[in-house]
Every structure is written in structure tokens, then in C-alpha cells.
């Protein structure tokens, strides 16, 4: 089987060490609001309701509705689940790799919402009847993933893909061997070369072979193939959270129009680590001839990648709630684009082991770092609600967010702005508008007790072309329910549970590289990661 290379894309590294992508922009911008247990239980459909600290980030006019001061805090427990298995490339469903199914869970405790507001009654019968002000911290996204996949492969290898990529890109071993290679080449390939995963062969400086591959002659033609079956493992760990910190001011005008404004500060802390490991079933299948005439045998390798990002930003949000009467409530809010500063760090490392331990090799890249500006998209939402006196309320929201307006920026002259222009053009091509529908209901069977339920659906902003039209690719769904207790004095307590329906992620740890002409002869592994989450919220608070 002849090995040639077709370079599709590199999932982890870009030209030097790591470069921004359109999908990074989405990672920095995507929100999945949490809040208090009451707002979560009702699907966060609070644009037209207000009165709750979980609603302040959705509509700043929420505080003006409540004619009292309040303070509350909301701890939460989240249980994330990942189920992984290989995806068959064949019509009969047979799996040549990652054939085992694994399920991993990970739990995390956090404080997604805390805040306080104060209300000043002007004692006027009309006009400006009250002013509210306060502070709320609310989590708008979180990550806590622990993924593992494994299986046996007899046709392709991570190191073979790396070698094919180095050959196709015209790299030279003499150049990759230099310490300064990190300044000019893909860090992933440089680490692979320095850690013994790939090497040149046959006296050629621009032909590469993986440590798990053998070289042989077939009818006068040099062939390269996987030496024998290997066990492959893939692991990923993701953690982090995104918060917004809101300074709020609200105005009650004649108990008819409620106005609000937020000055918001956002922060995000995100960490991503992954590794790929290959182990020889029988090292005797992987004989490697050395220049000195000796031989050694491949045993195992491990490649690792670590990435972290911190962001900080500022934005404004304006909202209104109108109560025309008869229990009807109408709300609207708009949020300005968030102006953010992004700081990224990343590092690649790898190790290769052989049966003769004196040939073992390890390499680690420098720690890369970059800092730049980024603009997150604006958002707009509308809401309508109907109150049934003391019996309960129903509410529905619609939120619009145009992710095509995301934009990377740099301030200098010769600092990669041309590359950012290309990525910004890619953002406009890949992403469009995301639409979110939220609905909630609250019923009070007793004056001190409330039963709640909610649902929301968000379409993916990622677009694809079908018959000349761009259509949404995916959507995510959350369902929630909860209970509430209000004492006859100031104390209140709420509990909620939210389930995020399973979503599917398909990814390839390394690209296809074995072809017969233009056809893929041996597909590289593809893994399906099915993920869902349960979140439990408890809010404790006082009104006074």
C-alpha cells in the first residue's frame, strides 16, 4: 500500500505553534446562561418578567420591577457525561479502530450566581416612582469534560500521519533538528522529530517515516506501511468557566414602564489538555535500522498538547419591560458587542520509547503566548409573559445573536493583521445568526410554594451550504424543573434541575494520509463523542 499525503487541516497546531481560528472566536463568544434556581427552572424566559437576580443579565430592567431590596446566592453541582466510540468508515459498520465504547463522568461544584440589589422609593404617585441599583455575578458558560477513547488499529498511525505531513510540507530533517526550528515550523512536527516519533530515511533529508512504520521494497518501489497492530488511546480534559459581572441601574416609571441598564465586565478562564498514545502489541513488528548498522524496536509513544486562555471584556446592556395591563407583560433588551482582551498560552510535548531504553527520546516545545483584542457579537432579545394573578405565570423569550460579527483585532502595524483579516473573512463565511427560544411556567398551588418548568432551544450559528442556501447545522436543548418556597417574612429558597440533551461531536485525532490515487485507501480514525450534563441549583435569599 503506497503512502502519499493529502493535508486536510491540523486540529491542534497552526503554522508556527498555534494560531487563532474561526472556531476560537465561537469558543470565546458562546453563552449558555445559568442564573438563580428560579430563573433556571423556568428556562431563563425572563425578558418580560424581571424581579429575580437571575434575570438581570437577560434584561437589565429586571431590578426595577422588584419594589424591594434582595440578596441571594446560588451554589450548583454539575455532572458531565461523555460516551466515546469510533465511527465506522465502511458500509457494513465494521470498526477498524477505537472499537471500544467508554463512558466517563465528571462532577464540579461552583457558585453560578450571587448578587444584591437595593430599591429607593421616591414616594411619587406618577413619573419616576422608584430607582434600583445593584451588583450581580452570573456564570454564562462552563466546561468540565473528561474524555477517553481506545482501540486497536492495524492500518494507520498517528506518527505515520505526522511523517506524511512533514514530507508533504517539504520539511528537511536538518532544519527540524535545529533548536531554532520552533521559530519557523509547526511545533507539533518539530516536537515529533525531536522526540523520535518521525525521522528521515534512506539518505533523504526531505522524506520522513514514523517510528511505528516499516520500509520495504516492492517491485523496485519504496513502500511504507504500519509495521503491525497497535493499541491507540486518546484522552482529553477540559475545564473552565465564563462569568459576567453586572453593575445595574433600574427605573420604575409610573408602574407601567420599567427601564434598566447594565455596565458589564466579562471574564473567561479555560484550559484544554489532550494526548494521543500508541503502544506496539509486539515490538518485533517494528524493527528500525540505524545508520550504525544496529537495530531497535518501537515500544510506545505519547504526544501531549496543553492550551489555556484568559479573557476580559466590557459591554453595555439596555432593557425595558412594559405592563399594559390585564396580566400582559412585554420586554426587550439589547447588548452591545463585548470588547475583549485575549491571552493564550500553549505547549506541545512528546516522548517515544523503544525496547533499547538508551534510544528513548523526549521533547517539549517552548511555551507559546499571544495577546490580542477580540470583539464578541451583539445580542437582542424579546419576551412576552402573562400573569394569572396569584396563581402563576407563563413566559416566552426569543434571543438573536449574529456570530458573523465576531472579529479579531491587533493594534500594531507588522504584527499579523493580515492573518487576522483572513480569519475574520472565514468567520463571516462559516458563522451566521443563532436563534434561541426560551419558555417557562410557574404555578403556585399554595401561597408559599411554587412549581416551575422550562425549556430552551438554541440553533448553532455554524452554517453549511446546501443547494446554494446556508442552513443551521445543529441545535442544543435544555429542559428544567424546580420548586420554590417563600416564607411569610423575608426568607426564600428555590431548587432547580436542568438537563442538557445529548449532543454529538465527531473529530479525527489525525488526518487521512494513505491514498490510492484520489481515493482514501485506509481511513484515519474518527471518534464520536456524545455528551450531556445534569445541573442542580439551590438558591438561598432574603428580601427586605
Protein backbone atom coordinates (compact mmCIF):
# COMPACT_ATOMS: atom_id res chain seq x y z
CA UNK A 1 0.00 0.00 0.00
CA UNK A 2 1.63 3.20 -1.15
CA UNK A 3 1.58 6.11 1.25
CA UNK A 4 1.03 9.61 -0.02
CA UNK A 5 -0.20 12.67 1.81
CA UNK A 6 -3.24 14.86 1.49
CA UNK A 7 -3.18 17.68 4.01
CA UNK A 8 -6.72 18.41 5.20
CA UNK A 9 -6.17 20.51 8.32
CA UNK A 10 -4.33 20.46 11.62
CA UNK A 11 -6.71 20.32 14.55
CA UNK A 12 -4.26 21.48 17.19
CA UNK A 13 -1.38 23.45 15.77
CA UNK A 14 -1.10 26.09 13.10
CA UNK A 15 1.87 27.27 11.09
CA UNK A 16 4.31 28.05 13.90
CA UNK A 17 2.89 27.00 17.27
CA UNK A 18 -0.75 27.87 17.47
CA UNK A 19 -2.85 30.39 15.61
CA UNK A 20 -6.33 31.72 16.13
CA UNK A 21 -9.22 30.23 14.17
CA UNK A 22 -12.86 30.97 13.48
CA UNK A 23 -13.78 28.28 15.98
CA UNK A 24 -11.76 30.00 18.69
CA UNK A 25 -13.94 33.04 18.11
CA UNK A 26 -17.03 30.94 18.77
CA UNK A 27 -15.47 29.43 21.90
CA UNK A 28 -14.84 32.93 23.29
CA UNK A 29 -18.33 34.19 22.40
CA UNK A 30 -20.80 31.38 23.11
CA UNK A 31 -23.02 31.80 26.17
CA UNK A 32 -25.22 29.30 27.98
CA UNK A 33 -26.86 31.35 30.72
CA UNK A 34 -27.27 29.96 34.19
CA UNK A 35 -28.67 32.12 36.98
CA UNK A 36 -30.74 31.59 40.12
CA UNK A 37 -32.63 28.36 40.68
CA UNK A 38 -35.89 30.15 39.85
CA UNK A 39 -34.70 31.59 36.54
CA UNK A 40 -33.05 28.29 35.53
CA UNK A 41 -36.16 26.28 36.42
CA UNK A 42 -38.23 28.49 34.11
CA UNK A 43 -35.78 28.14 31.22
CA UNK A 44 -34.44 31.70 31.81
CA UNK A 45 -37.52 33.04 30.00
CA UNK A 46 -37.36 36.27 31.98
CA UNK A 47 -37.09 39.06 29.41
CA UNK A 48 -40.63 40.23 30.20
CA UNK A 49 -40.78 39.13 33.86
CA UNK A 50 -37.87 40.52 35.86
CA UNK A 51 -37.93 40.65 39.63
CA UNK A 52 -35.26 37.96 40.01
CA UNK A 53 -31.48 38.31 40.24
CA UNK A 54 -31.07 35.57 37.64
CA UNK A 55 -32.89 37.80 35.15
CA UNK A 56 -30.58 40.83 35.43
CA UNK A 57 -28.19 39.53 32.75
CA UNK A 58 -31.11 38.82 30.40
CA UNK A 59 -32.91 42.15 30.88
CA UNK A 60 -31.44 44.97 33.00
CA UNK A 61 -34.96 46.26 33.70
CA UNK A 62 -35.48 43.19 35.91
CA UNK A 63 -34.42 45.03 39.08
CA UNK A 64 -36.82 47.95 38.52
CA UNK A 65 -39.79 45.54 38.68
CA UNK A 66 -38.96 44.42 42.22
CA UNK A 67 -40.03 47.09 44.72
CA UNK A 68 -37.75 45.74 47.41
CA UNK A 69 -34.10 45.05 48.10
CA UNK A 70 -32.84 41.49 47.91
CA UNK A 71 -29.74 39.40 48.29
CA UNK A 72 -29.20 35.81 47.20
CA UNK A 73 -26.54 33.28 46.33
CA UNK A 74 -26.79 30.12 44.25
CA UNK A 75 -24.42 27.15 44.59
CA UNK A 76 -24.69 24.43 41.93
CA UNK A 77 -23.49 20.92 41.23
CA UNK A 78 -22.87 19.82 37.63
CA UNK A 79 -22.36 16.25 36.41
CA UNK A 80 -20.95 15.97 32.88
CA UNK A 81 -21.00 12.73 30.89
CA UNK A 82 -19.01 11.70 27.79
CA UNK A 83 -19.53 8.49 25.81
CA UNK A 84 -16.98 7.74 23.08
CA UNK A 85 -16.62 5.17 20.33
CA UNK A 86 -15.10 5.01 16.88
CA UNK A 87 -17.14 5.78 13.76
CA UNK A 88 -17.09 3.08 11.08
CA UNK A 89 -15.81 4.22 7.65
CA UNK A 90 -17.38 1.19 5.97
CA UNK A 91 -20.91 0.49 4.76
CA UNK A 92 -21.15 -2.76 6.76
CA UNK A 93 -20.45 -0.92 10.02
CA UNK A 94 -17.22 -2.72 10.90
CA UNK A 95 -14.81 -0.74 13.07
CA UNK A 96 -11.07 -0.94 12.31
CA UNK A 97 -10.17 1.32 15.27
CA UNK A 98 -11.45 2.76 18.56
CA UNK A 99 -13.95 -0.10 18.66
CA UNK A 100 -14.43 0.04 22.41
CA UNK A 101 -17.12 2.21 23.97
CA UNK A 102 -16.23 4.22 27.07
CA UNK A 103 -18.37 6.37 29.33
CA UNK A 104 -16.77 8.93 31.64
CA UNK A 105 -18.42 11.28 34.12
CA UNK A 106 -17.06 14.29 35.95
CA UNK A 107 -18.68 16.39 38.67
CA UNK A 108 -17.97 20.01 39.56
CA UNK A 109 -19.22 22.41 42.24
CA UNK A 110 -19.48 26.16 41.62
CA UNK A 111 -21.30 29.38 42.51
CA UNK A 112 -23.01 30.38 39.24
CA UNK A 113 -25.00 33.33 40.65
CA UNK A 114 -24.66 35.78 43.51
CA UNK A 115 -25.92 39.31 43.86
CA UNK A 116 -27.73 42.05 45.70
CA UNK A 117 -29.99 44.92 44.72
CA UNK A 118 -31.44 47.94 46.52
CA UNK A 119 -34.62 49.88 45.79
CA UNK A 120 -35.26 53.54 46.50
CA UNK A 121 -38.94 54.55 46.62
CA UNK A 122 -39.34 58.18 45.57
CA UNK A 123 -42.87 58.28 47.08
CA UNK A 124 -44.23 59.84 43.90
CA UNK A 125 -47.61 58.71 42.57
CA UNK A 126 -46.61 59.12 38.93
CA UNK A 127 -43.43 59.55 36.94
CA UNK A 128 -40.25 58.17 38.45
CA UNK A 129 -41.63 56.10 41.32
CA UNK A 130 -38.52 54.09 42.14
CA UNK A 131 -34.83 53.60 41.39
CA UNK A 132 -33.00 50.30 41.80
CA UNK A 133 -29.30 49.62 41.77
CA UNK A 134 -27.21 46.57 42.49
CA UNK A 135 -24.50 44.10 41.57
CA UNK A 136 -24.87 40.59 40.15
CA UNK A 137 -22.27 37.99 39.16
CA UNK A 138 -23.61 35.31 36.85
CA UNK A 139 -21.97 32.35 35.09
CA UNK A 140 -22.69 32.37 31.36
CA UNK A 141 -20.83 29.21 30.33
CA UNK A 142 -18.85 26.35 31.83
CA UNK A 143 -16.71 23.41 30.68
CA UNK A 144 -15.81 20.30 32.62
CA UNK A 145 -15.06 17.41 30.29
CA UNK A 146 -13.17 14.16 30.82
CA UNK A 147 -12.96 12.11 27.61
CA UNK A 148 -11.22 8.82 26.89
CA UNK A 149 -11.23 6.59 23.80
CA UNK A 150 -9.20 3.48 22.94
CA UNK A 151 -8.94 0.63 20.49
CA UNK A 152 -6.65 -1.34 18.18
CA UNK A 153 -5.52 -0.20 14.72
CA UNK A 154 -3.78 -2.23 12.03
CA UNK A 155 -3.67 0.26 9.15
CA UNK A 156 -2.89 3.84 10.19
CA UNK A 157 -0.89 5.54 12.92
CA UNK A 158 -0.54 8.97 14.48
CA UNK A 159 3.19 9.02 13.73
CA UNK A 160 2.60 7.92 10.13
CA UNK A 161 0.26 10.88 9.66
CA UNK A 162 2.85 13.20 11.18
CA UNK A 163 5.56 11.85 8.85
CA UNK A 164 3.31 12.20 5.79
CA UNK A 165 2.54 15.79 6.77
CA UNK A 166 6.24 16.64 7.20
CA UNK A 167 7.04 15.11 3.79
CA UNK A 168 4.16 16.84 2.03
CA UNK A 169 5.15 20.22 3.51
CA UNK A 170 8.70 19.86 2.19
CA UNK A 171 10.35 19.93 5.62
CA UNK A 172 14.02 18.94 5.93
CA UNK A 173 15.36 16.87 8.77
CA UNK A 174 18.50 19.01 9.01
CA UNK A 175 16.29 22.05 9.59
CA UNK A 176 13.89 20.38 12.02
CA UNK A 177 16.90 19.22 14.02
CA UNK A 178 17.91 22.80 14.84
CA UNK A 179 16.89 24.35 18.15
CA UNK A 180 15.65 27.35 16.16
CA UNK A 181 13.20 25.13 14.24
CA UNK A 182 10.43 26.27 16.59
CA UNK A 183 10.77 29.74 15.07
CA UNK A 184 9.88 28.57 11.56
CA UNK A 185 7.97 25.28 11.59
CA UNK A 186 4.86 23.72 13.01
CA UNK A 187 5.65 22.99 16.66
CA UNK A 188 3.82 19.67 16.52
CA UNK A 189 6.13 18.37 13.77
CA UNK A 190 9.27 19.76 15.40
CA UNK A 191 8.41 18.05 18.70
CA UNK A 192 7.66 14.85 16.77
CA UNK A 193 11.09 14.95 15.16
CA UNK A 194 13.00 15.81 18.35
CA UNK A 195 11.14 13.15 20.38
CA UNK A 196 11.89 10.37 17.88
CA UNK A 197 8.36 9.94 16.54
CA UNK A 198 9.44 10.70 12.97
CA UNK A 199 12.80 10.62 11.22
CA UNK A 200 14.28 10.82 7.74
CA UNK A 201 15.34 7.61 5.95
CA UNK A 202 17.31 6.28 3.01
CA UNK A 203 19.73 9.19 2.96
CA UNK A 204 16.95 11.61 2.04
CA UNK A 205 16.63 14.81 4.08
CA UNK A 206 13.06 15.53 2.95
CA UNK A 207 11.46 12.08 3.27
CA UNK A 208 10.04 11.09 6.66
CA UNK A 209 8.83 7.89 8.26
CA UNK A 210 7.08 7.24 11.57
CA UNK A 211 8.65 5.14 14.32
CA UNK A 212 5.72 2.71 14.03
CA UNK A 213 6.24 2.19 10.29
CA UNK A 214 8.48 -0.14 8.29
CA UNK A 215 10.15 0.49 4.92
CA UNK A 216 10.31 -2.19 2.27
CA UNK A 217 10.85 -2.57 -1.46
CA UNK A 218 8.03 -3.69 -3.75
CA UNK A 219 9.00 -4.21 -7.38
CA UNK A 220 11.65 -1.53 -7.18
CA UNK A 221 9.37 0.97 -5.42
CA UNK A 222 9.87 2.05 -1.82
CA UNK A 223 6.77 1.35 0.28
CA UNK A 224 5.98 2.48 3.81
CA UNK A 225 3.34 0.83 6.00
CA UNK A 226 2.38 0.28 9.62
CA UNK A 227 4.59 -2.48 10.98
CA UNK A 228 1.85 -4.30 12.89
CA UNK A 229 -1.21 -3.81 15.08
CA UNK A 230 -1.00 -1.10 17.73
CA UNK A 231 -3.17 -0.04 20.65
CA UNK A 232 -4.26 3.60 20.43
CA UNK A 233 -5.55 5.84 23.21
CA UNK A 234 -6.94 9.33 23.09
CA UNK A 235 -7.65 11.47 26.16
CA UNK A 236 -8.97 14.98 26.63
CA UNK A 237 -9.57 17.11 29.69
CA UNK A 238 -11.40 20.45 29.50
CA UNK A 239 -12.28 22.78 32.37
CA UNK A 240 -13.22 26.39 32.80
CA UNK A 241 -15.96 28.93 33.26
CA UNK A 242 -17.17 32.23 31.90
CA UNK A 243 -18.74 34.93 34.10
CA UNK A 244 -20.25 38.34 33.70
CA UNK A 245 -20.18 40.94 36.49
CA UNK A 246 -23.02 43.42 36.22
CA UNK A 247 -23.46 46.86 37.75
CA UNK A 248 -27.14 47.59 37.32
CA UNK A 249 -29.37 50.66 37.44
CA UNK A 250 -33.15 50.46 37.00
CA UNK A 251 -36.06 52.94 36.85
CA UNK A 252 -39.74 52.42 37.60
CA UNK A 253 -41.85 54.87 35.62
CA UNK A 254 -45.48 55.02 36.78
CA UNK A 255 -45.60 51.24 37.40
CA UNK A 256 -46.02 50.98 33.64
CA UNK A 257 -42.58 51.20 32.05
CA UNK A 258 -39.50 49.73 33.68
CA UNK A 259 -36.10 50.69 32.31
CA UNK A 260 -32.66 49.25 33.09
CA UNK A 261 -29.03 49.48 32.11
CA UNK A 262 -26.06 47.22 32.86
CA UNK A 263 -22.39 48.01 32.78
CA UNK A 264 -20.96 44.54 32.35
CA UNK A 265 -17.50 43.06 32.73
CA UNK A 266 -16.86 39.56 31.43
CA UNK A 267 -14.12 37.07 32.23
CA UNK A 268 -13.30 33.61 30.97
CA UNK A 269 -10.78 31.04 32.21
CA UNK A 270 -10.44 27.95 30.01
CA UNK A 271 -7.99 25.03 30.00
CA UNK A 272 -7.68 22.27 27.42
CA UNK A 273 -5.32 19.26 27.51
CA UNK A 274 -5.20 16.24 25.26
CA UNK A 275 -2.90 13.35 24.50
CA UNK A 276 -2.55 10.57 21.95
CA UNK A 277 -0.77 7.34 22.85
CA UNK A 278 0.28 4.37 20.71
CA UNK A 279 1.66 1.06 22.03
CA UNK A 280 3.09 -1.79 19.99
CA UNK A 281 1.31 -5.11 20.51
CA UNK A 282 4.53 -6.91 19.51
CA UNK A 283 7.62 -4.66 19.29
CA UNK A 284 9.24 -7.24 16.99
CA UNK A 285 6.90 -5.97 14.24
CA UNK A 286 8.56 -2.55 14.35
CA UNK A 287 12.21 -3.04 13.52
CA UNK A 288 14.14 0.19 12.90
CA UNK A 289 17.54 0.12 11.22
CA UNK A 290 20.06 2.69 12.42
CA UNK A 291 22.86 4.35 10.45
CA UNK A 292 25.45 2.45 12.53
CA UNK A 293 24.04 -0.88 11.37
CA UNK A 294 22.29 -1.67 14.65
CA UNK A 295 18.55 -2.15 15.07
CA UNK A 296 15.98 -1.12 17.65
CA UNK A 297 12.27 -1.74 18.07
CA UNK A 298 9.45 0.71 18.72
CA UNK A 299 7.60 0.18 22.00
CA UNK A 300 5.27 3.16 22.63
CA UNK A 301 4.78 6.90 22.17
CA UNK A 302 2.74 9.67 23.74
CA UNK A 303 2.01 13.10 22.31
CA UNK A 304 0.59 15.87 24.53
CA UNK A 305 -0.86 19.31 23.93
CA UNK A 306 -1.87 21.92 26.54
CA UNK A 307 -3.73 25.14 25.92
CA UNK A 308 -5.18 27.80 28.21
CA UNK A 309 -6.90 31.12 27.64
CA UNK A 310 -7.98 34.02 29.82
CA UNK A 311 -10.26 36.76 28.58
CA UNK A 312 -11.58 40.01 30.00
CA UNK A 313 -14.10 42.32 28.39
CA UNK A 314 -16.57 45.13 28.84
CA UNK A 315 -20.05 45.69 27.41
CA UNK A 316 -23.31 47.52 27.97
CA UNK A 317 -26.89 46.26 28.00
CA UNK A 318 -30.18 48.15 27.91
CA UNK A 319 -33.64 46.81 28.62
CA UNK A 320 -37.30 47.70 29.01
CA UNK A 321 -40.39 46.00 30.42
CA UNK A 322 -43.89 47.32 29.68
CA UNK A 323 -47.03 46.29 31.60
CA UNK A 324 -50.06 47.38 29.55
CA UNK A 325 -52.46 45.63 31.93
CA UNK A 326 -54.68 42.54 32.03
CA UNK A 327 -51.70 40.47 33.19
CA UNK A 328 -49.73 41.07 29.97
CA UNK A 329 -46.04 41.92 30.10
CA UNK A 330 -43.69 42.75 27.20
CA UNK A 331 -39.92 43.03 27.44
CA UNK A 332 -36.95 43.74 25.21
CA UNK A 333 -33.19 44.15 25.66
CA UNK A 334 -30.12 44.71 23.53
CA UNK A 335 -26.48 44.08 24.44
CA UNK A 336 -23.59 45.88 22.78
CA UNK A 337 -20.66 43.91 21.35
CA UNK A 338 -18.17 42.95 24.05
CA UNK A 339 -14.71 44.41 23.62
CA UNK A 340 -12.31 41.78 24.96
CA UNK A 341 -8.63 41.18 25.56
CA UNK A 342 -7.48 37.60 24.98
CA UNK A 343 -4.36 35.99 26.47
CA UNK A 344 -3.46 32.50 25.24
CA UNK A 345 -0.74 30.01 26.23
CA UNK A 346 0.08 26.66 24.66
CA UNK A 347 2.71 23.94 24.63
CA UNK A 348 3.43 20.67 22.80
CA UNK A 349 5.45 17.75 24.16
CA UNK A 350 6.14 14.15 23.25
CA UNK A 351 8.07 11.04 24.15
CA UNK A 352 8.97 7.85 22.29
CA UNK A 353 10.15 4.64 23.92
CA UNK A 354 11.99 1.70 22.37
CA UNK A 355 12.96 -1.75 23.55
CA UNK A 356 16.50 -0.43 23.97
CA UNK A 357 15.87 2.32 26.51
CA UNK A 358 19.06 4.20 25.60
CA UNK A 359 17.30 5.31 22.41
CA UNK A 360 14.29 6.76 24.25
CA UNK A 361 13.64 10.41 23.39
CA UNK A 362 11.62 13.30 24.85
CA UNK A 363 10.99 16.80 23.58
CA UNK A 364 8.98 19.79 24.67
CA UNK A 365 8.28 22.97 22.75
CA UNK A 366 8.65 26.43 24.28
CA UNK A 367 5.54 27.77 25.95
CA UNK A 368 3.84 29.95 23.39
CA UNK A 369 1.92 33.05 24.36
CA UNK A 370 -0.17 35.57 22.46
CA UNK A 371 -2.26 38.58 23.41
CA UNK A 372 -4.73 40.38 21.18
CA UNK A 373 -8.14 42.06 21.04
CA UNK A 374 -11.42 40.46 20.12
CA UNK A 375 -14.97 41.69 19.57
CA UNK A 376 -17.81 39.40 20.65
CA UNK A 377 -21.18 39.72 18.90
CA UNK A 378 -24.13 41.84 19.97
CA UNK A 379 -27.37 40.25 21.24
CA UNK A 380 -31.01 41.23 21.20
CA UNK A 381 -33.96 39.57 22.90
CA UNK A 382 -37.73 39.95 23.10
CA UNK A 383 -40.11 38.48 25.62
CA UNK A 384 -43.79 38.19 26.42
CA UNK A 385 -45.40 36.94 29.61
CA UNK A 386 -48.85 36.60 31.08
CA UNK A 387 -49.52 36.55 34.80
CA UNK A 388 -52.50 34.74 36.24
CA UNK A 389 -52.86 36.81 39.35
CA UNK A 390 -51.58 34.86 42.36
CA UNK A 391 -51.92 31.53 40.53
CA UNK A 392 -48.79 31.70 38.39
CA UNK A 393 -47.21 32.96 35.18
CA UNK A 394 -46.23 31.79 31.71
CA UNK A 395 -43.42 33.35 29.73
CA UNK A 396 -41.62 33.05 26.38
CA UNK A 397 -38.41 34.61 25.02
CA UNK A 398 -36.62 34.92 21.72
CA UNK A 399 -32.92 35.85 21.52
CA UNK A 400 -30.95 36.73 18.40
CA UNK A 401 -27.15 36.70 18.19
CA UNK A 402 -25.20 37.33 14.97
CA UNK A 403 -21.90 35.48 15.27
CA UNK A 404 -20.72 36.67 11.86
CA UNK A 405 -19.87 40.00 13.55
CA UNK A 406 -17.11 38.42 15.67
CA UNK A 407 -13.74 39.98 14.91
CA UNK A 408 -10.07 39.54 15.86
CA UNK A 409 -8.00 42.72 16.09
CA UNK A 410 -4.42 43.83 16.62
CA UNK A 411 -3.17 47.36 17.19
CA UNK A 412 0.36 47.20 15.72
CA UNK A 413 1.42 47.57 12.09
CA UNK A 414 3.57 44.50 11.40
CA UNK A 415 2.01 42.08 13.85
CA UNK A 416 -0.08 39.65 11.85
CA UNK A 417 -3.06 41.83 11.00
CA UNK A 418 -3.12 40.32 7.51
CA UNK A 419 -3.63 36.88 9.02
CA UNK A 420 -6.43 38.23 11.22
CA UNK A 421 -8.11 39.67 8.12
CA UNK A 422 -8.16 36.17 6.64
CA UNK A 423 -9.63 34.68 9.85
CA UNK A 424 -12.26 37.42 10.06
CA UNK A 425 -13.28 36.64 6.48
CA UNK A 426 -13.51 32.97 7.42
CA UNK A 427 -15.74 33.87 10.39
CA UNK A 428 -18.20 35.60 8.05
CA UNK A 429 -18.18 32.57 5.76
CA UNK A 430 -18.65 29.93 8.48
CA UNK A 431 -20.92 31.62 11.01
CA UNK A 432 -24.28 33.31 10.86
CA UNK A 433 -27.11 34.05 13.28
CA UNK A 434 -28.05 31.89 16.23
CA UNK A 435 -31.66 31.83 17.44
CA UNK A 436 -32.72 30.92 20.96
CA UNK A 437 -36.24 30.14 22.13
CA UNK A 438 -36.95 30.01 25.86
CA UNK A 439 -40.19 29.14 27.62
CA UNK A 440 -41.17 28.85 31.26
CA UNK A 441 -44.15 28.33 33.53
CA UNK A 442 -44.67 28.84 37.24
CA UNK A 443 -47.71 27.59 39.17
CA UNK A 444 -48.42 28.37 42.83
CA UNK A 445 -50.63 25.68 44.38
CA UNK A 446 -50.07 27.39 47.75
CA UNK A 447 -49.12 30.95 48.62
CA UNK A 448 -45.72 29.85 49.96
CA UNK A 449 -44.91 27.28 47.27
CA UNK A 450 -44.21 27.38 43.53
CA UNK A 451 -43.76 24.63 40.94
CA UNK A 452 -41.77 25.54 37.84
CA UNK A 453 -40.71 24.10 34.48
CA UNK A 454 -38.80 25.43 31.49
CA UNK A 455 -37.30 24.63 28.12
CA UNK A 456 -34.92 26.31 25.70
CA UNK A 457 -33.57 25.56 22.26
CA UNK A 458 -30.59 27.24 20.58
CA UNK A 459 -29.64 26.79 16.94
CA UNK A 460 -25.99 26.57 16.02
CA UNK A 461 -24.55 29.62 14.26
CA UNK A 462 -22.29 27.36 12.19
CA UNK A 463 -23.61 27.19 8.65
CA UNK A 464 -23.15 24.88 5.72
CA UNK A 465 -24.11 25.22 2.08
CA UNK A 466 -26.95 23.07 0.79
CA UNK A 467 -28.35 23.69 -2.70
CA UNK A 468 -26.99 27.21 -2.58
CA UNK A 469 -28.57 28.07 0.78
CA UNK A 470 -26.92 28.38 4.16
CA UNK A 471 -28.73 26.40 6.83
CA UNK A 472 -28.16 25.87 10.58
CA UNK A 473 -26.26 22.65 11.25
CA UNK A 474 -27.14 21.74 14.85
CA UNK A 475 -29.10 22.84 17.87
CA UNK A 476 -28.88 22.31 21.62
CA UNK A 477 -31.74 21.78 24.05
CA UNK A 478 -32.18 22.20 27.79
CA UNK A 479 -35.14 21.10 29.92
CA UNK A 480 -35.57 22.19 33.53
CA UNK A 481 -37.90 21.99 36.51
CA UNK A 482 -37.87 23.21 40.09
CA UNK A 483 -39.61 24.18 43.32
CA UNK A 484 -39.74 27.42 45.25
CA UNK A 485 -40.52 28.41 48.82
CA UNK A 486 -41.40 31.92 50.05
CA UNK A 487 -41.75 32.46 53.78
CA UNK A 488 -44.18 34.98 55.14
CA UNK A 489 -41.19 37.06 56.13
CA UNK A 490 -38.11 37.82 54.04
CA UNK A 491 -36.52 34.41 53.53
CA UNK A 492 -36.92 32.43 50.29
CA UNK A 493 -35.36 29.29 48.83
CA UNK A 494 -35.51 27.74 45.36
CA UNK A 495 -34.23 24.50 43.85
CA UNK A 496 -33.88 23.57 40.18
CA UNK A 497 -32.54 20.83 37.96
CA UNK A 498 -31.53 21.34 34.32
CA UNK A 499 -30.71 18.63 31.80
CA UNK A 500 -28.76 19.38 28.63
CA UNK A 501 -29.81 16.90 25.98
CA UNK A 502 -27.08 14.77 24.40
CA UNK A 503 -25.12 16.37 21.56
CA UNK A 504 -22.74 14.60 19.19
CA UNK A 505 -19.20 15.71 18.35
CA UNK A 506 -17.25 13.98 15.57
CA UNK A 507 -13.49 14.50 15.39
CA UNK A 508 -10.34 12.96 13.92
CA UNK A 509 -7.20 12.81 16.13
CA UNK A 510 -5.10 12.84 12.96
CA UNK A 511 -5.83 13.34 9.27
CA UNK A 512 -6.17 10.80 6.45
CA UNK A 513 -2.82 10.18 4.77
CA UNK A 514 -2.96 6.84 2.90
CA UNK A 515 -4.46 7.19 -0.57
CA UNK A 516 -4.82 5.19 -3.78
CA UNK A 517 -4.90 7.94 -6.35
CA UNK A 518 -7.56 10.38 -5.21
CA UNK A 519 -9.39 7.78 -3.10
CA UNK A 520 -8.76 7.17 0.58
CA UNK A 521 -7.25 3.70 0.84
CA UNK A 522 -7.09 3.49 4.65
CA UNK A 523 -9.24 5.98 6.57
CA UNK A 524 -7.77 7.58 9.66
CA UNK A 525 -9.76 7.14 12.88
CA UNK A 526 -12.88 9.20 13.54
CA UNK A 527 -14.38 9.29 17.03
CA UNK A 528 -17.92 10.08 18.12
CA UNK A 529 -18.16 11.89 21.45
CA UNK A 530 -21.71 12.02 22.85
CA UNK A 531 -22.01 14.46 25.74
CA UNK A 532 -24.73 15.63 28.11
CA UNK A 533 -24.96 17.28 31.53
CA UNK A 534 -27.14 17.50 34.65
CA UNK A 535 -27.04 20.67 36.74
CA UNK A 536 -28.62 21.11 40.18
CA UNK A 537 -29.10 24.63 41.61
CA UNK A 538 -30.06 25.83 45.08
CA UNK A 539 -30.79 29.49 45.77
CA UNK A 540 -30.95 30.97 49.26
CA UNK A 541 -32.03 34.59 49.64
CA UNK A 542 -33.72 37.36 51.58
CA UNK A 543 -35.97 40.25 50.54
CA UNK A 544 -36.27 43.38 52.66
